[in-house]
Each structure stands twice: as C-alpha cells, then as structure tokens.
Amino acid sequence: MQKIFPVLLLLFLSLSIAEAQEDLSQAKKLAEESAQALISGNYGKVVDLTYPKVVELMGGKEKIVKEIENGAREMKAEGVDFIPATDFTATNHVRTKAQKFTIVSYVLKMKVPGGYLLRDSFMLGVAPANSSEWKFLDGAGLDKSKMKFLFPEAADKIVLPILKPPVFHKSE
C-alpha cells in the first residue's frame, strides 16, 4: 500500500496538469477566434465571446455591435485598420470556487498612416470553474478597481500585465 500511494499521487498530478494545459489551450483558441472575428468584421461573434456581465453593463449585444461598427468605420476613414494579431499565449491560471481566470497575451498590430503600430496586449479569460466556456475582457480597459467590481473574489489573486505604449514602425 505504501508504494501505491506515491504512484497514485503522481498519476493524479499528471492528469491535473494535462487538464489545466488543455483548458489553457481552449482559452487561447477562443481568444484567437475573438481577435480574428474583430478583424473580419464579425462583431456579433466578438460580443458573444465577451464576458456577459460586461455586455450587460454596456447595454447589450446590439448596442455594442453598432458601437464597434461605427468605431471601425471611423478608424478606416482615418487610415487605421487592424492587422491579424500574433503570438497568443495563455498563462496565469487562477481559480476561485465559482470561476477560473487566465491571461491571454498577444501582439496587437494596427496599420496607421505611414506605417504600423505594435503593442503587447492581453485579454482576461473568464470561465465557470467546471467549464471551458471562456469569455474575454480586453486588458486595455482593466485596472484594479474594475477587477474588484467585476471579480471581488479573484481581483487580488490576478496579476494584470502592465501595458506599454504602442511602438510605431515606419513603412518603407
């Protein structure tokens, strides 16, 4: 019996690690889908992959889709457009009794007059504790006070990345 316990413990830990990696892989996949939906103009899908409480606070899906459409039109009129984001990585898995969280980092790229901008960015992924139905919040709008409002149990456990200003690269 004494020899079986360490083997069972090792097996349990291996399964838990594999499950967590699969969960982070699903979060990364869905974050990539959200970013691609934004670029392709599928704003309904962007909202579907947004954390529901934020959708509710912002006035609902239809209102948000219209705001994104208007913003995208204004950006394009000024010569600004999104380029597909790259380097998606899901890390910092945090759990509470009811929810789990992950930071999905990526490189945001935007075409601007005369060149393009690059910025390390992130989304906060949120899912029910017993599910892989990840929803996201844009990291650019998050701070400690919003985290405490939205996620009081987890706000102090989640370390948000510090966002640096975008870097301009001139087109040749």
C-alpha atoms as a PDB file:
ATOM      1  CA  MET A   1       0.000   0.000   0.000  1.00  0.00           C
ATOM      2  CA  GLN A   2       2.819   2.418   0.822  1.00  0.00           C
ATOM      3  CA  LYS A   3       4.251   2.001  -2.692  1.00  0.00           C
ATOM      4  CA  ILE A   4       0.897   2.552  -4.392  1.00  0.00           C
ATOM      5  CA  PHE A   5       0.193   5.945  -2.776  1.00  0.00           C
ATOM      6  CA  PRO A   6       3.102   7.825  -4.455  1.00  0.00           C
ATOM      7  CA  VAL A   7       2.184   6.289  -7.817  1.00  0.00           C
ATOM      8  CA  LEU A   8      -1.465   7.352  -7.425  1.00  0.00           C
ATOM      9  CA  LEU A   9      -0.421  10.837  -6.343  1.00  0.00           C
ATOM     10  CA  LEU A  10       1.866  11.178  -9.360  1.00  0.00           C
ATOM     11  CA  LEU A  11      -0.906   9.952 -11.676  1.00  0.00           C
ATOM     12  CA  PHE A  12      -3.390  12.427 -10.169  1.00  0.00           C
ATOM     13  CA  LEU A  13      -0.940  15.335 -10.533  1.00  0.00           C
ATOM     14  CA  SER A  14      -0.157  14.367 -14.125  1.00  0.00           C
ATOM     15  CA  LEU A  15      -3.855  14.291 -15.006  1.00  0.00           C
ATOM     16  CA  SER A  16      -4.434  17.655 -13.297  1.00  0.00           C
ATOM     17  CA  ILE A  17      -1.562  19.277 -15.200  1.00  0.00           C
ATOM     18  CA  ALA A  18      -2.749  17.824 -18.518  1.00  0.00           C
ATOM     19  CA  GLU A  19      -6.300  19.069 -17.827  1.00  0.00           C
ATOM     20  CA  ALA A  20      -5.045  22.585 -16.991  1.00  0.00           C
ATOM     21  CA  GLN A  21      -2.913  22.710 -20.163  1.00  0.00           C
ATOM     22  CA  GLU A  22      -5.876  21.600 -22.288  1.00  0.00           C
ATOM     23  CA  ASP A  23      -8.021  24.256 -20.593  1.00  0.00           C
ATOM     24  CA  LEU A  24      -5.450  26.972 -21.346  1.00  0.00           C
ATOM     25  CA  SER A  25      -5.231  25.722 -24.925  1.00  0.00           C
ATOM     26  CA  GLN A  26      -9.007  26.162 -25.263  1.00  0.00           C
ATOM     27  CA  ALA A  27      -8.793  29.696 -23.819  1.00  0.00           C
ATOM     28  CA  LYS A  28      -6.032  30.583 -26.294  1.00  0.00           C
ATOM     29  CA  LYS A  29      -8.054  29.173 -29.219  1.00  0.00           C
ATOM     30  CA  LEU A  30     -11.154  31.173 -28.286  1.00  0.00           C
ATOM     31  CA  ALA A  31      -9.137  34.377 -27.744  1.00  0.00           C
ATOM     32  CA  GLU A  32      -7.666  33.942 -31.236  1.00  0.00           C
ATOM     33  CA  GLU A  33     -11.200  33.461 -32.600  1.00  0.00           C
ATOM     34  CA  SER A  34     -12.298  36.685 -30.901  1.00  0.00           C
ATOM     35  CA  ALA A  35      -9.390  38.645 -32.378  1.00  0.00           C
ATOM     36  CA  GLN A  36      -9.983  37.189 -35.853  1.00  0.00           C
ATOM     37  CA  ALA A  37     -13.705  37.986 -35.595  1.00  0.00           C
ATOM     38  CA  LEU A  38     -12.841  41.623 -34.896  1.00  0.00           C
ATOM     39  CA  ILE A  39     -10.546  41.807 -37.934  1.00  0.00           C
ATOM     40  CA  SER A  40     -13.053  40.101 -40.235  1.00  0.00           C
ATOM     41  CA  GLY A  41     -15.956  42.304 -39.114  1.00  0.00           C
ATOM     42  CA  ASN A  42     -17.866  39.547 -37.319  1.00  0.00           C
ATOM     43  CA  TYR A  43     -18.690  41.837 -34.405  1.00  0.00           C
ATOM     44  CA  GLY A  44     -21.542  39.642 -33.183  1.00  0.00           C
ATOM     45  CA  LYS A  45     -19.037  36.864 -32.509  1.00  0.00           C
ATOM     46  CA  VAL A  46     -16.746  39.324 -30.704  1.00  0.00           C
ATOM     47  CA  VAL A  47     -19.620  40.190 -28.368  1.00  0.00           C
ATOM     48  CA  ASP A  48     -20.573  36.506 -27.981  1.00  0.00           C
ATOM     49  CA  LEU A  49     -17.024  35.861 -26.720  1.00  0.00           C
ATOM     50  CA  THR A  50     -17.111  38.872 -24.359  1.00  0.00           C
ATOM     51  CA  TYR A  51     -17.714  38.368 -20.643  1.00  0.00           C
ATOM     52  CA  PRO A  52     -21.551  38.548 -20.251  1.00  0.00           C
ATOM     53  CA  LYS A  53     -21.612  40.981 -17.312  1.00  0.00           C
ATOM     54  CA  VAL A  54     -19.626  43.481 -19.404  1.00  0.00           C
ATOM     55  CA  VAL A  55     -22.044  43.023 -22.315  1.00  0.00           C
ATOM     56  CA  GLU A  56     -24.924  43.710 -19.939  1.00  0.00           C
ATOM     57  CA  LEU A  57     -23.245  46.783 -18.402  1.00  0.00           C
ATOM     58  CA  MET A  58     -22.523  48.196 -21.863  1.00  0.00           C
ATOM     59  CA  GLY A  59     -26.165  47.978 -22.947  1.00  0.00           C
ATOM     60  CA  GLY A  60     -26.418  44.602 -24.667  1.00  0.00           C
ATOM     61  CA  LYS A  61     -25.200  42.894 -27.798  1.00  0.00           C
ATOM     62  CA  GLU A  62     -26.976  45.033 -30.409  1.00  0.00           C
ATOM     63  CA  LYS A  63     -25.735  48.295 -28.911  1.00  0.00           C
ATOM     64  CA  ILE A  64     -22.147  47.047 -28.661  1.00  0.00           C
ATOM     65  CA  VAL A  65     -22.148  45.710 -32.243  1.00  0.00           C
ATOM     66  CA  LYS A  66     -23.325  49.112 -33.521  1.00  0.00           C
ATOM     67  CA  GLU A  67     -20.640  50.909 -31.484  1.00  0.00           C
ATOM     68  CA  ILE A  68     -17.929  48.601 -32.848  1.00  0.00           C
ATOM     69  CA  GLU A  69     -19.220  49.085 -36.415  1.00  0.00           C
ATOM     70  CA  ASN A  70     -19.176  52.878 -36.013  1.00  0.00           C
ATOM     71  CA  GLY A  71     -15.712  52.808 -34.470  1.00  0.00           C
ATOM     72  CA  ALA A  72     -14.362  50.568 -37.243  1.00  0.00           C
ATOM     73  CA  ARG A  73     -15.794  52.917 -39.916  1.00  0.00           C
ATOM     74  CA  GLU A  74     -14.192  55.945 -38.252  1.00  0.00           C
ATOM     75  CA  MET A  75     -10.851  54.159 -37.945  1.00  0.00           C
ATOM     76  CA  LYS A  76     -10.839  53.108 -41.602  1.00  0.00           C
ATOM     77  CA  ALA A  77     -11.756  56.651 -42.678  1.00  0.00           C
ATOM     78  CA  GLU A  78      -8.617  57.827 -40.830  1.00  0.00           C
ATOM     79  CA  GLY A  79      -6.456  55.140 -42.463  1.00  0.00           C
ATOM     80  CA  VAL A  80      -6.302  52.913 -39.386  1.00  0.00           C
ATOM     81  CA  ASP A  81      -7.019  49.185 -39.574  1.00  0.00           C
ATOM     82  CA  PHE A  82      -6.281  46.020 -37.632  1.00  0.00           C
ATOM     83  CA  ILE A  83      -3.694  43.527 -38.855  1.00  0.00           C
ATOM     84  CA  PRO A  84      -4.060  39.934 -37.571  1.00  0.00           C
ATOM     85  CA  ALA A  85      -2.756  39.646 -34.006  1.00  0.00           C
ATOM     86  CA  THR A  86       0.008  37.135 -33.284  1.00  0.00           C
ATOM     87  CA  ASP A  87       1.834  35.281 -30.522  1.00  0.00           C
ATOM     88  CA  PHE A  88      -1.162  34.243 -28.416  1.00  0.00           C
ATOM     89  CA  THR A  89      -0.159  32.679 -25.086  1.00  0.00           C
ATOM     90  CA  ALA A  90      -2.445  31.695 -22.193  1.00  0.00           C
ATOM     91  CA  THR A  91      -0.908  31.826 -18.702  1.00  0.00           C
ATOM     92  CA  ASN A  92      -1.564  32.708 -15.048  1.00  0.00           C
ATOM     93  CA  HIS A  93      -4.354  30.267 -14.350  1.00  0.00           C
ATOM     94  CA  VAL A  94      -6.249  31.428 -11.210  1.00  0.00           C
ATOM     95  CA  ARG A  95      -9.281  29.727  -9.661  1.00  0.00           C
ATOM     96  CA  THR A  96     -11.977  30.665  -7.198  1.00  0.00           C
ATOM     97  CA  LYS A  97     -14.872  28.448  -6.126  1.00  0.00           C
ATOM     98  CA  ALA A  98     -17.083  29.709  -8.925  1.00  0.00           C
ATOM     99  CA  GLN A  99     -14.714  30.825 -11.703  1.00  0.00           C
ATOM    100  CA  LYS A 100     -11.330  30.401 -13.292  1.00  0.00           C
ATOM    101  CA  PHE A 101      -9.218  33.053 -14.993  1.00  0.00           C
ATOM    102  CA  THR A 102      -6.327  33.234 -17.403  1.00  0.00           C
ATOM    103  CA  ILE A 103      -4.313  35.967 -19.065  1.00  0.00           C
ATOM    104  CA  VAL A 104      -4.100  35.538 -22.844  1.00  0.00           C
ATOM    105  CA  SER A 105      -1.226  37.678 -24.102  1.00  0.00           C
ATOM    106  CA  TYR A 106      -0.824  38.600 -27.762  1.00  0.00           C
ATOM    107  CA  VAL A 107       0.799  41.149 -30.046  1.00  0.00           C
ATOM    108  CA  LEU A 108      -1.677  43.728 -31.360  1.00  0.00           C
ATOM    109  CA  LYS A 109      -0.896  45.126 -34.797  1.00  0.00           C
ATOM    110  CA  MET A 110      -2.542  48.135 -36.416  1.00  0.00           C
ATOM    111  CA  LYS A 111      -1.990  49.717 -39.805  1.00  0.00           C
ATOM    112  CA  VAL A 112      -1.757  53.507 -39.459  1.00  0.00           C
ATOM    113  CA  PRO A 113      -0.878  56.254 -41.946  1.00  0.00           C
ATOM    114  CA  GLY A 114       2.821  55.961 -42.716  1.00  0.00           C
ATOM    115  CA  GLY A 115       3.378  52.597 -41.042  1.00  0.00           C
ATOM    116  CA  TYR A 116       2.047  50.354 -38.342  1.00  0.00           C
ATOM    117  CA  LEU A 117       1.830  50.096 -34.554  1.00  0.00           C
ATOM    118  CA  LEU A 118       2.825  47.097 -32.444  1.00  0.00           C
ATOM    119  CA  ARG A 119       1.790  46.621 -28.839  1.00  0.00           C
ATOM    120  CA  ASP A 120       1.959  43.757 -26.376  1.00  0.00           C
ATOM    121  CA  SER A 121      -1.652  43.319 -25.283  1.00  0.00           C
ATOM    122  CA  PHE A 122      -3.801  40.863 -23.362  1.00  0.00           C
ATOM    123  CA  MET A 123      -7.298  39.627 -22.730  1.00  0.00           C
ATOM    124  CA  LEU A 124      -8.560  38.340 -19.416  1.00  0.00           C
ATOM    125  CA  GLY A 125     -10.264  34.978 -19.942  1.00  0.00           C
ATOM    126  CA  VAL A 126     -13.036  34.006 -17.525  1.00  0.00           C
ATOM    127  CA  ALA A 127     -14.898  30.687 -17.341  1.00  0.00           C
ATOM    128  CA  PRO A 128     -17.098  28.903 -14.832  1.00  0.00           C
ATOM    129  CA  ALA A 129     -14.925  26.724 -12.560  1.00  0.00           C
ATOM    130  CA  ASN A 130     -16.272  23.488 -14.059  1.00  0.00           C
ATOM    131  CA  SER A 131     -16.301  24.552 -17.727  1.00  0.00           C
ATOM    132  CA  SER A 132     -14.109  25.604 -20.631  1.00  0.00           C
ATOM    133  CA  GLU A 133     -16.621  28.131 -21.954  1.00  0.00           C
ATOM    134  CA  TRP A 134     -14.180  31.031 -21.873  1.00  0.00           C
ATOM    135  CA  LYS A 135     -15.336  34.635 -22.288  1.00  0.00           C
ATOM    136  CA  PHE A 136     -12.991  37.605 -22.519  1.00  0.00           C
ATOM    137  CA  LEU A 137     -12.375  41.183 -21.472  1.00  0.00           C
ATOM    138  CA  ASP A 138      -9.920  43.449 -23.264  1.00  0.00           C
ATOM    139  CA  GLY A 139      -6.958  44.055 -20.987  1.00  0.00           C
ATOM    140  CA  ALA A 140      -6.517  47.660 -22.123  1.00  0.00           C
ATOM    141  CA  GLY A 141      -9.577  48.700 -20.145  1.00  0.00           C
ATOM    142  CA  LEU A 142      -8.856  46.746 -16.967  1.00  0.00           C
ATOM    143  CA  ASP A 143      -7.497  48.090 -13.709  1.00  0.00           C
ATOM    144  CA  LYS A 144      -7.719  47.066 -10.046  1.00  0.00           C
ATOM    145  CA  SER A 145     -10.966  48.945  -9.364  1.00  0.00           C
ATOM    146  CA  LYS A 146     -12.755  47.328 -12.327  1.00  0.00           C
ATOM    147  CA  MET A 147     -11.376  43.936 -11.310  1.00  0.00           C
ATOM    148  CA  LYS A 148     -12.698  44.391  -7.757  1.00  0.00           C
ATOM    149  CA  PHE A 149     -16.114  45.401  -9.134  1.00  0.00           C
ATOM    150  CA  LEU A 150     -16.363  42.519 -11.625  1.00  0.00           C
ATOM    151  CA  PHE A 151     -14.492  39.788  -9.725  1.00  0.00           C
ATOM    152  CA  PRO A 152     -14.299  40.610  -5.999  1.00  0.00           C
ATOM    153  CA  GLU A 153     -13.112  37.096  -5.012  1.00  0.00           C
ATOM    154  CA  ALA A 154     -10.323  36.980  -7.587  1.00  0.00           C
ATOM    155  CA  ALA A 155      -9.211  40.594  -8.007  1.00  0.00           C
ATOM    156  CA  ASP A 156      -6.323  40.329  -5.561  1.00  0.00           C
ATOM    157  CA  LYS A 157      -5.167  36.974  -6.970  1.00  0.00           C
ATOM    158  CA  ILE A 158      -4.915  38.045 -10.613  1.00  0.00           C
ATOM    159  CA  VAL A 159      -1.808  39.925 -11.685  1.00  0.00           C
ATOM    160  CA  LEU A 160      -2.594  42.043 -14.734  1.00  0.00           C
ATOM    161  CA  PRO A 161       0.255  42.732 -17.146  1.00  0.00           C
ATOM    162  CA  ILE A 162       1.427  46.333 -17.377  1.00  0.00           C
ATOM    163  CA  LEU A 163       0.703  47.628 -20.856  1.00  0.00           C
ATOM    164  CA  LYS A 164       3.334  49.752 -22.552  1.00  0.00           C
ATOM    165  CA  PRO A 165       2.519  52.315 -25.248  1.00  0.00           C
ATOM    166  CA  PRO A 166       2.423  51.033 -28.824  1.00  0.00           C
ATOM    167  CA  VAL A 167       5.593  51.288 -30.902  1.00  0.00           C
ATOM    168  CA  PHE A 168       5.376  52.934 -34.329  1.00  0.00           C
ATOM    169  CA  HIS A 169       7.180  51.334 -37.260  1.00  0.00           C
ATOM    170  CA  LYS A 170       7.531  53.374 -40.423  1.00  0.00           C
ATOM    171  CA  SER A 171       6.576  51.753 -43.735  1.00  0.00           C
ATOM    172  CA  GLU A 172       9.279  51.644 -46.358  1.00  0.00           C
END
